[in-house]
N, C-alpha and C. Protein backbone atom coordinates (compact mmCIF):
# COMPACT_ATOMS: atom_id res chain seq x y z
N MET A 1 43.98 38.64 65.11
CA MET A 1 44.67 38.29 66.34
C MET A 1 46.07 38.81 66.29
N ALA A 2 46.50 39.48 67.38
CA ALA A 2 47.87 40.01 67.45
C ALA A 2 48.89 38.77 67.56
N ALA A 3 50.13 39.04 66.97
CA ALA A 3 51.10 37.89 67.16
C ALA A 3 51.37 37.63 68.64
N ILE A 4 51.51 36.41 68.94
CA ILE A 4 51.84 36.04 70.36
C ILE A 4 53.31 36.10 70.49
N ARG A 5 53.63 37.04 71.58
CA ARG A 5 55.06 37.14 71.88
C ARG A 5 55.47 36.64 73.31
N ALA A 6 54.41 36.26 73.97
CA ALA A 6 54.65 35.77 75.41
C ALA A 6 53.68 34.65 75.70
N VAL A 7 53.99 33.77 76.52
CA VAL A 7 53.16 32.67 77.07
C VAL A 7 53.29 32.76 78.49
N LEU A 8 52.03 33.00 79.10
CA LEU A 8 51.90 33.17 80.51
C LEU A 8 51.06 31.86 81.01
N THR A 9 51.72 31.08 81.85
CA THR A 9 51.15 29.79 82.17
C THR A 9 50.72 29.58 83.67
N ASP A 10 49.55 28.99 83.90
CA ASP A 10 49.16 28.47 85.14
C ASP A 10 49.89 27.21 85.45
N ILE A 11 49.94 26.62 86.70
CA ILE A 11 50.66 25.36 86.91
C ILE A 11 49.70 24.21 87.14
N GLU A 12 48.92 24.26 88.25
CA GLU A 12 48.09 23.27 88.55
C GLU A 12 46.96 23.08 87.49
N GLY A 13 46.86 21.76 86.85
CA GLY A 13 45.99 21.44 85.84
C GLY A 13 46.38 22.03 84.58
N THR A 14 47.64 22.62 84.46
CA THR A 14 48.00 23.17 83.17
C THR A 14 49.35 22.57 82.82
N THR A 15 50.40 22.87 83.58
CA THR A 15 51.75 22.24 83.36
C THR A 15 51.85 20.93 84.24
N SER A 16 51.14 20.92 85.31
CA SER A 16 51.35 19.81 86.32
C SER A 16 49.97 19.31 86.62
N ALA A 17 49.89 17.99 87.06
CA ALA A 17 48.76 17.35 87.42
C ALA A 17 48.22 18.02 88.67
N ILE A 18 46.82 18.09 88.76
CA ILE A 18 46.09 18.60 89.78
C ILE A 18 46.47 17.65 91.10
N ALA A 19 46.67 16.35 90.80
CA ALA A 19 46.84 15.37 91.86
C ALA A 19 48.20 15.64 92.55
N PHE A 20 49.15 16.13 91.65
CA PHE A 20 50.54 16.33 92.37
C PHE A 20 50.34 17.45 93.42
N VAL A 21 49.66 18.49 93.34
CA VAL A 21 49.55 19.46 94.20
C VAL A 21 48.74 18.98 95.42
N LYS A 22 47.49 18.33 95.10
CA LYS A 22 46.64 17.93 96.15
C LYS A 22 47.19 16.77 96.96
N GLU A 23 47.78 15.77 96.25
CA GLU A 23 48.07 14.56 96.94
C GLU A 23 49.63 14.48 97.36
N THR A 24 50.39 15.36 96.90
CA THR A 24 51.81 15.37 97.23
C THR A 24 52.20 16.69 97.98
N LEU A 25 52.07 17.75 97.32
CA LEU A 25 52.63 19.01 97.98
C LEU A 25 51.82 19.43 99.17
N PHE A 26 50.50 19.48 99.14
CA PHE A 26 49.67 19.88 100.27
C PHE A 26 49.85 18.95 101.43
N PRO A 27 49.79 17.60 101.32
CA PRO A 27 50.03 16.86 102.47
C PRO A 27 51.48 16.96 103.07
N PHE A 28 52.40 17.15 102.23
CA PHE A 28 53.78 17.27 102.69
C PHE A 28 53.91 18.49 103.59
N ALA A 29 53.32 19.66 103.03
CA ALA A 29 53.41 20.88 103.87
C ALA A 29 52.61 20.79 105.24
N GLU A 30 51.46 20.01 105.15
CA GLU A 30 50.69 19.85 106.38
C GLU A 30 51.43 19.05 107.32
N ALA A 31 52.09 17.98 106.94
CA ALA A 31 52.77 17.05 107.83
C ALA A 31 53.98 17.73 108.41
N ALA A 32 54.73 18.61 107.66
CA ALA A 32 55.99 19.23 108.10
C ALA A 32 55.72 20.59 108.80
N LEU A 33 54.48 21.02 108.87
CA LEU A 33 54.21 22.43 109.41
C LEU A 33 54.87 22.61 110.84
N ASP A 34 54.32 21.76 111.82
CA ASP A 34 54.83 21.93 113.22
C ASP A 34 56.31 21.95 113.41
N GLY A 35 57.02 20.97 112.77
CA GLY A 35 58.50 20.75 112.89
C GLY A 35 59.16 22.06 112.20
N PHE A 36 58.65 22.52 111.12
CA PHE A 36 59.07 23.61 110.41
C PHE A 36 59.10 24.85 111.25
N LEU A 37 57.92 25.12 111.84
CA LEU A 37 57.75 26.36 112.64
C LEU A 37 58.68 26.20 113.88
N GLU A 38 58.75 25.05 114.52
CA GLU A 38 59.61 24.97 115.74
C GLU A 38 61.07 25.25 115.42
N THR A 39 61.54 24.77 114.12
CA THR A 39 62.97 25.04 113.75
C THR A 39 63.10 26.44 113.16
N HIS A 40 62.16 26.98 112.43
CA HIS A 40 62.49 28.16 111.68
C HIS A 40 61.53 29.34 112.09
N GLY A 41 60.65 29.19 113.09
CA GLY A 41 59.73 30.18 113.44
C GLY A 41 60.29 31.54 113.75
N ASN A 42 61.50 31.60 114.18
CA ASN A 42 62.18 32.91 114.56
C ASN A 42 63.00 33.47 113.30
N ASP A 43 63.06 32.74 112.24
CA ASP A 43 63.80 33.28 111.08
C ASP A 43 62.98 34.44 110.71
N PRO A 44 63.67 35.52 110.17
CA PRO A 44 62.93 36.75 109.83
C PRO A 44 61.98 36.56 108.69
N ALA A 45 62.29 35.67 107.81
CA ALA A 45 61.29 35.52 106.65
C ALA A 45 59.99 34.83 107.18
N VAL A 46 60.20 33.86 108.02
CA VAL A 46 59.02 33.19 108.58
C VAL A 46 58.33 33.95 109.64
N ALA A 47 58.96 34.67 110.45
CA ALA A 47 58.29 35.56 111.37
C ALA A 47 57.45 36.65 110.61
N ALA A 48 58.03 37.10 109.52
CA ALA A 48 57.12 38.12 108.82
C ALA A 48 55.88 37.50 108.25
N ILE A 49 56.07 36.24 107.77
CA ILE A 49 54.76 35.66 107.22
C ILE A 49 53.87 35.36 108.36
N LEU A 50 54.35 34.94 109.54
CA LEU A 50 53.41 34.67 110.62
C LEU A 50 52.71 35.95 111.12
N ALA A 51 53.50 37.07 111.07
CA ALA A 51 52.74 38.34 111.42
C ALA A 51 51.57 38.74 110.61
N GLU A 52 51.47 38.03 109.51
CA GLU A 52 50.31 38.38 108.62
C GLU A 52 49.17 37.52 108.87
N VAL A 53 49.35 36.38 109.81
CA VAL A 53 48.30 35.40 110.10
C VAL A 53 47.46 35.93 111.25
N PRO A 54 46.08 36.03 111.09
CA PRO A 54 45.37 36.56 112.16
C PRO A 54 45.05 35.47 113.14
N GLY A 55 44.63 36.08 114.29
CA GLY A 55 44.11 35.11 115.42
C GLY A 55 45.12 34.87 116.45
N PRO A 56 44.67 34.50 117.64
CA PRO A 56 45.51 34.14 118.76
C PRO A 56 46.37 32.83 118.53
N ASP A 57 45.77 31.97 117.79
CA ASP A 57 46.54 30.57 117.51
C ASP A 57 46.77 30.60 116.02
N ARG A 58 47.99 31.04 115.70
CA ARG A 58 48.42 30.99 114.31
C ARG A 58 48.47 29.70 113.64
N ARG A 59 48.81 28.81 114.28
CA ARG A 59 49.03 27.47 113.74
C ARG A 59 47.53 26.92 113.41
N ALA A 60 46.67 27.12 114.28
CA ALA A 60 45.33 26.73 113.96
C ALA A 60 44.70 27.44 112.82
N THR A 61 45.01 28.67 112.63
CA THR A 61 44.57 29.46 111.46
C THR A 61 45.16 28.86 110.22
N LEU A 62 46.54 28.57 110.30
CA LEU A 62 47.18 28.09 109.16
C LEU A 62 46.54 26.67 108.77
N ARG A 63 46.26 25.86 109.70
CA ARG A 63 45.75 24.55 109.40
C ARG A 63 44.31 24.60 108.96
N ARG A 64 43.55 25.63 109.41
CA ARG A 64 42.14 25.85 108.90
C ARG A 64 42.31 26.31 107.39
N TRP A 65 43.30 27.18 107.18
CA TRP A 65 43.46 27.66 105.62
C TRP A 65 43.90 26.32 104.85
N MET A 66 44.73 25.52 105.41
CA MET A 66 45.20 24.40 104.64
C MET A 66 43.87 23.49 104.27
N ALA A 67 43.15 23.25 105.30
CA ALA A 67 41.96 22.37 105.12
C ALA A 67 41.02 22.96 104.06
N GLU A 68 40.93 24.32 103.99
CA GLU A 68 39.99 25.05 103.08
C GLU A 68 40.64 25.28 101.79
N ASP A 69 41.89 24.95 101.60
CA ASP A 69 42.74 25.24 100.37
C ASP A 69 42.59 26.82 100.12
N ALA A 70 42.70 27.47 101.13
CA ALA A 70 42.47 29.08 100.95
C ALA A 70 43.59 29.71 100.12
N LYS A 71 43.29 30.57 99.35
CA LYS A 71 44.27 31.17 98.39
C LYS A 71 44.66 32.52 98.94
N VAL A 72 45.36 32.32 100.16
CA VAL A 72 45.81 33.57 100.92
C VAL A 72 47.39 33.62 100.81
N THR A 73 47.87 34.80 100.81
CA THR A 73 49.25 34.88 100.53
C THR A 73 50.16 34.35 101.70
N PRO A 74 49.88 34.73 102.98
CA PRO A 74 50.74 34.09 104.00
C PRO A 74 50.78 32.60 103.93
N LEU A 75 49.75 31.89 103.81
CA LEU A 75 49.67 30.39 103.76
C LEU A 75 50.71 29.94 102.42
N LYS A 76 50.44 30.57 101.37
CA LYS A 76 51.10 30.10 100.18
C LYS A 76 52.66 30.44 100.41
N SER A 77 52.89 31.58 101.02
CA SER A 77 54.39 31.92 101.17
C SER A 77 55.07 30.98 102.12
N LEU A 78 54.22 30.52 103.22
CA LEU A 78 54.87 29.61 104.17
C LEU A 78 54.99 28.20 103.51
N GLN A 79 53.95 27.77 102.79
CA GLN A 79 54.03 26.47 102.04
C GLN A 79 55.31 26.50 101.13
N GLY A 80 55.50 27.53 100.44
CA GLY A 80 56.76 27.56 99.57
C GLY A 80 57.95 27.32 100.28
N LEU A 81 58.19 27.90 101.53
CA LEU A 81 59.33 27.69 102.36
C LEU A 81 59.46 26.27 102.75
N ILE A 82 58.29 25.72 103.15
CA ILE A 82 58.44 24.25 103.62
C ILE A 82 58.81 23.30 102.33
N TRP A 83 58.14 23.64 101.23
CA TRP A 83 58.39 22.88 99.94
C TRP A 83 59.88 22.99 99.61
N ARG A 84 60.49 24.25 99.79
CA ARG A 84 61.85 24.38 99.43
C ARG A 84 62.69 23.35 100.07
N ALA A 85 62.50 23.17 101.41
CA ALA A 85 63.24 22.25 102.10
C ALA A 85 63.12 20.94 101.55
N GLY A 86 61.92 20.44 101.07
CA GLY A 86 61.69 19.21 100.62
C GLY A 86 62.38 19.02 99.22
N PHE A 87 62.20 20.06 98.40
CA PHE A 87 62.88 20.04 97.02
C PHE A 87 64.40 19.93 97.13
N GLU A 88 64.87 20.73 98.03
CA GLU A 88 66.42 20.81 98.07
C GLU A 88 67.08 19.57 98.68
N ASP A 89 66.33 18.82 99.51
CA ASP A 89 66.96 17.58 99.99
C ASP A 89 66.46 16.33 99.25
N GLY A 90 65.78 16.61 98.16
CA GLY A 90 65.37 15.52 97.24
C GLY A 90 64.17 14.68 97.65
N ARG A 91 63.50 15.11 98.66
CA ARG A 91 62.22 14.49 99.00
C ARG A 91 61.08 14.73 98.06
N LEU A 92 61.12 15.91 97.37
CA LEU A 92 60.11 16.32 96.32
C LEU A 92 60.80 16.47 95.00
N ARG A 93 60.07 16.30 93.95
CA ARG A 93 60.48 16.63 92.62
C ARG A 93 59.24 17.11 91.93
N GLY A 94 59.29 18.30 91.18
CA GLY A 94 58.22 18.96 90.51
C GLY A 94 57.60 18.23 89.44
N HIS A 95 56.33 17.77 89.50
CA HIS A 95 55.63 17.06 88.38
C HIS A 95 55.45 17.96 87.24
N LEU A 96 55.71 17.53 86.03
CA LEU A 96 55.34 18.14 84.72
C LEU A 96 54.68 17.07 83.86
N TRP A 97 53.56 17.35 83.12
CA TRP A 97 53.17 16.62 82.14
C TRP A 97 54.27 16.36 81.07
N PRO A 98 54.34 15.13 80.51
CA PRO A 98 55.48 14.77 79.58
C PRO A 98 55.58 15.74 78.32
N ASP A 99 54.50 16.36 78.07
CA ASP A 99 54.48 17.21 76.78
C ASP A 99 54.93 18.70 77.18
N VAL A 100 55.23 19.06 78.41
CA VAL A 100 55.28 20.45 78.77
C VAL A 100 56.76 20.91 78.46
N ALA A 101 57.77 20.21 78.98
CA ALA A 101 59.14 20.70 78.88
C ALA A 101 59.61 20.93 77.60
N ALA A 102 59.48 20.06 76.59
CA ALA A 102 59.87 20.29 75.20
C ALA A 102 59.38 21.51 74.55
N CYS A 103 58.11 21.75 74.94
CA CYS A 103 57.38 23.03 74.32
C CYS A 103 57.96 24.17 75.04
N LEU A 104 58.09 24.17 76.28
CA LEU A 104 58.71 25.39 76.98
C LEU A 104 60.05 25.68 76.46
N ARG A 105 60.94 24.73 76.29
CA ARG A 105 62.28 24.97 75.72
C ARG A 105 62.15 25.45 74.27
N ALA A 106 61.19 24.93 73.45
CA ALA A 106 61.09 25.41 72.09
C ALA A 106 60.53 26.83 72.01
N TRP A 107 59.64 27.01 72.97
CA TRP A 107 59.18 28.47 72.90
C TRP A 107 60.31 29.52 73.26
N ALA A 108 61.00 29.11 74.26
CA ALA A 108 62.13 30.08 74.78
C ALA A 108 63.21 30.20 73.55
N VAL A 109 63.47 29.09 72.97
CA VAL A 109 64.50 29.10 71.95
C VAL A 109 63.93 29.89 70.85
N GLY A 110 62.67 29.84 70.56
CA GLY A 110 61.91 30.65 69.48
C GLY A 110 61.69 32.12 69.82
N GLY A 111 62.21 32.52 70.88
CA GLY A 111 62.08 33.98 71.19
C GLY A 111 60.99 34.38 72.09
N LEU A 112 60.03 33.47 72.34
CA LEU A 112 58.87 33.88 73.24
C LEU A 112 59.34 34.06 74.71
N THR A 113 58.66 35.19 75.26
CA THR A 113 58.84 35.31 76.65
C THR A 113 57.90 34.45 77.45
N LEU A 114 58.54 33.74 78.48
CA LEU A 114 57.63 32.82 79.29
C LEU A 114 57.63 33.36 80.63
N ALA A 115 56.40 33.22 81.22
CA ALA A 115 56.15 33.62 82.68
C ALA A 115 55.07 32.62 83.23
N VAL A 116 55.07 32.66 84.55
CA VAL A 116 54.17 31.87 85.43
C VAL A 116 53.30 32.71 86.19
N TYR A 117 51.97 32.38 86.28
CA TYR A 117 51.04 32.96 87.16
C TYR A 117 50.23 31.90 87.79
N SER A 118 50.41 31.69 89.12
CA SER A 118 49.85 30.68 89.98
C SER A 118 49.47 31.17 91.31
N SER A 119 48.43 30.53 91.93
CA SER A 119 48.07 30.92 93.27
C SER A 119 49.11 30.49 94.33
N GLY A 120 49.95 29.49 93.87
CA GLY A 120 51.14 29.14 94.67
C GLY A 120 52.07 30.27 94.69
N SER A 121 52.93 30.40 95.76
CA SER A 121 53.84 31.41 95.84
C SER A 121 54.84 31.42 94.80
N VAL A 122 55.52 32.62 94.59
CA VAL A 122 56.53 32.65 93.59
C VAL A 122 57.65 31.60 94.00
N GLU A 123 57.98 31.60 95.37
CA GLU A 123 58.93 30.73 95.78
C GLU A 123 58.58 29.28 95.35
N ALA A 124 57.41 28.86 95.55
CA ALA A 124 56.97 27.51 95.28
C ALA A 124 57.07 27.29 93.69
N GLN A 125 56.71 28.23 92.88
CA GLN A 125 56.79 28.08 91.50
C GLN A 125 58.21 27.80 91.02
N ARG A 126 59.10 28.62 91.54
CA ARG A 126 60.44 28.52 91.18
C ARG A 126 61.10 27.15 91.57
N LEU A 127 60.69 26.69 92.68
CA LEU A 127 61.23 25.40 93.26
C LEU A 127 60.67 24.32 92.24
N LEU A 128 59.35 24.32 91.83
CA LEU A 128 58.84 23.22 91.06
C LEU A 128 59.56 23.21 89.69
N PHE A 129 59.85 24.27 89.15
CA PHE A 129 60.48 24.20 87.78
C PHE A 129 62.03 24.05 87.88
N ARG A 130 62.58 24.47 89.03
CA ARG A 130 64.01 24.31 89.20
C ARG A 130 64.33 22.87 89.50
N HIS A 131 63.45 22.16 90.26
CA HIS A 131 63.58 20.79 90.57
C HIS A 131 62.57 19.77 90.03
N SER A 132 62.29 20.16 88.69
CA SER A 132 61.30 19.43 87.87
C SER A 132 61.82 18.00 87.56
N VAL A 133 60.88 17.10 87.24
CA VAL A 133 61.31 15.72 86.78
C VAL A 133 61.88 15.83 85.39
N ALA A 134 61.81 17.05 84.74
CA ALA A 134 62.47 17.21 83.35
C ALA A 134 63.73 18.05 83.50
N GLY A 135 64.19 18.21 84.78
CA GLY A 135 65.49 19.03 84.92
C GLY A 135 65.15 20.40 85.38
N ASP A 136 66.21 21.33 85.40
CA ASP A 136 66.05 22.63 85.88
C ASP A 136 65.49 23.50 84.75
N LEU A 137 64.35 24.02 84.78
CA LEU A 137 63.60 24.79 83.75
C LEU A 137 63.45 26.25 84.23
N GLU A 138 63.84 26.53 85.42
CA GLU A 138 63.53 27.92 85.98
C GLU A 138 64.09 29.05 85.07
N GLY A 139 65.25 28.82 84.52
CA GLY A 139 65.90 29.89 83.71
C GLY A 139 65.24 30.18 82.35
N LEU A 140 64.18 29.36 82.09
CA LEU A 140 63.47 29.61 80.75
C LEU A 140 62.45 30.79 81.02
N PHE A 141 62.19 31.07 82.25
CA PHE A 141 61.09 32.06 82.58
C PHE A 141 61.70 33.41 82.93
N ARG A 142 60.86 34.34 82.44
CA ARG A 142 61.41 35.73 82.66
C ARG A 142 60.58 36.40 83.87
N GLY A 143 59.45 35.84 84.17
CA GLY A 143 58.65 36.37 85.25
C GLY A 143 57.90 35.30 85.97
N PHE A 144 57.71 35.41 87.35
CA PHE A 144 56.80 34.57 88.13
C PHE A 144 55.89 35.53 88.89
N PHE A 145 54.71 35.16 88.81
CA PHE A 145 53.59 35.95 89.47
C PHE A 145 52.65 35.14 90.47
N ASP A 146 52.40 35.68 91.61
CA ASP A 146 51.45 34.85 92.54
C ASP A 146 50.35 35.85 92.86
N THR A 147 49.65 35.60 94.03
CA THR A 147 48.49 36.43 94.45
C THR A 147 48.88 37.74 94.91
N LYS A 148 50.09 37.95 95.16
CA LYS A 148 50.55 39.48 95.45
C LYS A 148 50.25 40.37 94.30
N VAL A 149 50.20 39.93 93.03
CA VAL A 149 49.75 40.78 91.95
C VAL A 149 48.17 40.99 91.84
N GLY A 150 47.56 40.12 92.62
CA GLY A 150 46.10 40.16 92.55
C GLY A 150 45.47 38.72 92.41
N ALA A 151 44.18 38.57 92.63
CA ALA A 151 43.59 37.36 92.55
C ALA A 151 43.40 36.86 91.00
N LYS A 152 43.41 35.58 90.73
CA LYS A 152 43.40 35.08 89.58
C LYS A 152 42.14 35.31 88.72
N ARG A 153 41.11 35.51 89.46
CA ARG A 153 39.81 35.70 88.67
C ARG A 153 39.47 37.24 88.53
N GLU A 154 40.50 38.14 88.81
CA GLU A 154 40.32 39.62 88.73
C GLU A 154 40.94 40.17 87.47
N VAL A 155 40.33 40.92 86.70
CA VAL A 155 40.78 41.57 85.50
C VAL A 155 42.13 42.37 85.71
N GLY A 156 42.07 43.06 86.75
CA GLY A 156 43.36 43.87 87.05
C GLY A 156 44.59 43.22 87.19
N SER A 157 44.45 41.90 87.72
CA SER A 157 45.74 41.08 87.82
C SER A 157 46.43 40.98 86.54
N TYR A 158 45.80 40.64 85.47
CA TYR A 158 46.35 40.43 84.24
C TYR A 158 46.98 41.74 83.55
N ALA A 159 46.18 42.79 83.74
CA ALA A 159 46.80 44.14 83.31
C ALA A 159 48.07 44.41 84.03
N ALA A 160 48.12 44.03 85.30
CA ALA A 160 49.35 44.35 86.13
C ALA A 160 50.50 43.48 85.54
N ILE A 161 50.15 42.22 85.21
CA ILE A 161 51.29 41.35 84.72
C ILE A 161 51.74 41.79 83.33
N ALA A 162 50.83 42.16 82.50
CA ALA A 162 51.18 42.70 81.15
C ALA A 162 52.16 44.01 81.36
N THR A 163 51.83 44.90 82.37
CA THR A 163 52.66 46.17 82.56
C THR A 163 54.00 45.57 83.08
N ALA A 164 54.06 44.59 84.05
CA ALA A 164 55.31 44.14 84.51
C ALA A 164 56.21 43.57 83.43
N LEU A 165 55.59 42.80 82.51
CA LEU A 165 56.36 42.25 81.33
C LEU A 165 56.66 43.28 80.31
N ASP A 166 56.03 44.48 80.41
CA ASP A 166 56.18 45.55 79.37
C ASP A 166 55.72 45.10 78.11
N MET A 167 54.62 44.35 77.96
CA MET A 167 54.13 43.89 76.64
C MET A 167 52.61 44.21 76.58
N ALA A 168 52.13 44.33 75.27
CA ALA A 168 50.82 44.63 75.00
C ALA A 168 50.01 43.37 75.46
N PRO A 169 48.83 43.54 76.21
CA PRO A 169 48.05 42.47 76.59
C PRO A 169 47.76 41.37 75.50
N ALA A 170 47.43 41.93 74.21
CA ALA A 170 47.05 41.05 73.17
C ALA A 170 48.16 40.16 72.72
N SER A 171 49.37 40.52 73.05
CA SER A 171 50.51 39.67 72.59
C SER A 171 50.84 38.53 73.55
N ILE A 172 50.09 38.43 74.63
CA ILE A 172 50.33 37.53 75.73
C ILE A 172 49.31 36.43 75.62
N LEU A 173 49.70 35.20 75.57
CA LEU A 173 48.76 34.07 75.67
C LEU A 173 48.66 33.41 76.99
N PHE A 174 47.57 33.47 77.62
CA PHE A 174 47.49 32.83 78.99
C PHE A 174 46.93 31.42 79.00
N LEU A 175 47.58 30.50 79.56
CA LEU A 175 47.12 29.12 79.46
C LEU A 175 46.63 28.72 80.93
N SER A 176 45.56 28.20 81.04
CA SER A 176 44.96 27.74 82.34
C SER A 176 43.90 26.62 82.12
N ASP A 177 43.58 25.89 83.05
CA ASP A 177 42.47 24.93 83.02
C ASP A 177 41.22 25.57 83.58
N VAL A 178 41.20 26.78 84.24
CA VAL A 178 40.15 27.31 84.92
C VAL A 178 39.46 28.37 84.00
N ALA A 179 38.14 28.16 83.59
CA ALA A 179 37.55 29.15 82.66
C ALA A 179 37.39 30.52 83.25
N GLU A 180 37.13 30.57 84.59
CA GLU A 180 36.94 31.89 85.20
C GLU A 180 38.32 32.72 85.13
N GLU A 181 39.45 32.08 85.37
CA GLU A 181 40.62 32.81 85.21
C GLU A 181 40.92 33.28 83.72
N LEU A 182 40.55 32.44 82.78
CA LEU A 182 40.64 32.78 81.45
C LEU A 182 39.68 33.98 80.98
N ASP A 183 38.49 33.86 81.66
CA ASP A 183 37.59 35.06 81.45
C ASP A 183 38.21 36.36 81.87
N ALA A 184 38.85 36.27 83.05
CA ALA A 184 39.51 37.60 83.55
C ALA A 184 40.56 38.02 82.59
N ALA A 185 41.38 37.00 82.22
CA ALA A 185 42.58 37.40 81.29
C ALA A 185 42.00 37.96 79.97
N ALA A 186 40.89 37.35 79.43
CA ALA A 186 40.39 37.80 78.14
C ALA A 186 39.87 39.21 78.33
N ALA A 187 39.17 39.48 79.51
CA ALA A 187 38.66 40.80 79.65
C ALA A 187 39.78 41.93 79.78
N SER A 188 40.94 41.49 80.15
CA SER A 188 42.13 42.46 80.17
C SER A 188 42.84 42.48 78.76
N GLY A 189 42.31 41.62 77.84
CA GLY A 189 42.91 41.76 76.54
C GLY A 189 43.85 40.67 76.17
N LEU A 190 44.24 39.63 77.03
CA LEU A 190 45.05 38.74 76.73
C LEU A 190 44.31 37.63 75.92
N ALA A 191 45.27 36.88 75.00
CA ALA A 191 44.74 35.72 74.35
C ALA A 191 44.71 34.65 75.28
N THR A 192 43.79 33.73 75.10
CA THR A 192 43.56 32.62 76.18
C THR A 192 43.46 31.23 75.39
N CYS A 193 43.78 30.23 76.29
CA CYS A 193 43.58 28.87 75.80
C CYS A 193 43.29 27.96 77.12
N GLN A 194 42.27 27.20 76.95
CA GLN A 194 41.95 26.33 78.15
C GLN A 194 42.62 24.91 77.94
N LEU A 195 43.48 24.60 78.89
CA LEU A 195 43.96 23.22 78.89
C LEU A 195 42.94 22.18 79.31
N VAL A 196 42.46 21.34 78.51
CA VAL A 196 41.54 20.34 78.83
C VAL A 196 42.16 18.97 78.98
N ARG A 197 42.68 18.65 79.99
CA ARG A 197 43.54 17.41 80.14
C ARG A 197 42.58 16.38 80.69
N GLU A 198 42.35 15.21 79.98
CA GLU A 198 41.50 14.28 80.40
C GLU A 198 41.88 13.68 81.77
N ALA A 199 43.23 13.51 82.05
CA ALA A 199 43.64 12.85 83.29
C ALA A 199 43.30 13.88 84.50
N ASP A 200 43.15 15.12 84.27
CA ASP A 200 42.85 16.00 85.37
C ASP A 200 41.41 16.26 85.42
N GLY A 201 40.60 15.65 84.58
CA GLY A 201 39.12 15.79 84.63
C GLY A 201 38.54 17.20 84.30
N THR A 202 39.30 17.96 83.54
CA THR A 202 38.91 19.32 83.19
C THR A 202 37.71 19.38 82.33
N ARG A 203 36.81 20.24 82.61
CA ARG A 203 35.70 20.31 81.70
C ARG A 203 35.77 21.55 80.78
N PRO A 204 35.49 21.30 79.53
CA PRO A 204 35.48 22.42 78.54
C PRO A 204 34.55 23.41 78.87
N SER A 205 34.91 24.79 78.73
CA SER A 205 33.91 25.80 79.07
C SER A 205 33.14 26.23 77.84
N GLY A 206 33.76 26.06 76.71
CA GLY A 206 33.20 26.56 75.41
C GLY A 206 33.36 28.03 75.17
N ARG A 207 34.03 28.67 76.16
CA ARG A 207 34.18 30.14 76.08
C ARG A 207 35.59 30.54 75.54
N HIS A 208 36.39 29.60 75.38
CA HIS A 208 37.86 29.91 75.04
C HIS A 208 38.33 28.85 74.13
N PRO A 209 39.37 29.13 73.33
CA PRO A 209 40.00 28.05 72.54
C PRO A 209 40.60 26.91 73.54
N GLU A 210 40.58 25.77 73.11
CA GLU A 210 40.91 24.60 73.94
C GLU A 210 42.07 23.80 73.44
N ALA A 211 42.77 23.13 74.10
CA ALA A 211 43.84 22.24 73.80
C ALA A 211 44.11 21.19 74.74
N ALA A 212 44.49 19.93 74.31
CA ALA A 212 44.53 18.78 75.27
C ALA A 212 45.95 18.83 75.95
N ASP A 213 46.92 19.42 75.27
CA ASP A 213 48.38 19.46 75.75
C ASP A 213 49.05 20.62 75.12
N PHE A 214 50.26 20.74 75.53
CA PHE A 214 51.07 21.84 75.00
C PHE A 214 51.37 21.83 73.53
N PRO A 215 51.60 20.67 72.84
CA PRO A 215 51.79 20.59 71.44
C PRO A 215 50.56 21.03 70.81
N ALA A 216 49.38 20.73 71.31
CA ALA A 216 48.11 21.22 70.67
C ALA A 216 47.96 22.81 70.84
N VAL A 217 48.53 23.40 71.92
CA VAL A 217 48.56 24.76 72.06
C VAL A 217 49.41 25.42 70.88
N ALA A 218 50.56 24.80 70.80
CA ALA A 218 51.54 25.18 69.78
C ALA A 218 50.93 25.21 68.42
N ALA A 219 50.20 24.11 68.10
CA ALA A 219 49.66 23.98 66.75
C ALA A 219 48.52 25.06 66.59
N ARG A 220 47.78 25.33 67.58
CA ARG A 220 46.66 26.14 67.49
C ARG A 220 47.03 27.57 67.35
N PHE A 221 48.20 27.96 67.95
CA PHE A 221 48.55 29.34 67.93
C PHE A 221 49.78 29.61 67.11
N GLY A 222 50.20 28.59 66.32
CA GLY A 222 51.43 28.83 65.38
C GLY A 222 52.68 29.01 66.23
N LEU A 223 52.85 28.32 67.27
CA LEU A 223 54.10 28.52 68.13
C LEU A 223 54.98 27.21 67.81
N PRO A 224 56.28 27.24 68.03
CA PRO A 224 57.25 26.13 67.80
C PRO A 224 56.87 25.11 68.83
N ALA A 225 56.82 23.80 68.45
CA ALA A 225 56.54 22.59 69.28
C ALA A 225 57.87 21.86 69.65
N THR A 226 59.01 22.03 68.88
CA THR A 226 60.16 21.48 69.25
C THR A 226 61.33 22.45 68.97
N GLY A 227 62.45 22.31 69.69
CA GLY A 227 63.57 23.16 69.51
C GLY A 227 64.35 23.12 68.33
């Protein structure tokens, strides 16, 4: 096994509770949608997102996507902007499992490159870590990647991330709770580990190394666990 030089992490079910996204972030964006579009619909960034939404009734399309939890870039980008307002005015704080922040800091201090790959927009990723319950962790990360780089179950997405980080795929460890995402990463040459958190109800796949939390990841792959 090649030495691990970078950790690429998913968010939902990995660093953060699935319930936080489903029970806090998604309902917040849904409730705020109409007011946000009425206030910011003509802003260039918002208008550009809306231009990518098909159909004569764009709000109806957005609400259908929300109901389906569709992994489509316009929705994720708009949710990110809505969440930014909530994070910046203190209505939202980014959930992290208690074991995550200390390991992220230790890995950064130890010289590992850290990056995020989530179906949530880059904007949403940055906000969650900038306004996390453990403080501002955004600066620990070198890269943030969302579905603009490709779908999370596609092999090419991970090759593109390795290229963007200018690192050999085998030197990157990808952490996720979803076996199919790990399958795609492994097929691209990345090392993988499935986070099997009991509180999230994750089921082990048996196809990848497993860990219950970030300290267990550190122990399994010889990474620092404390700064």
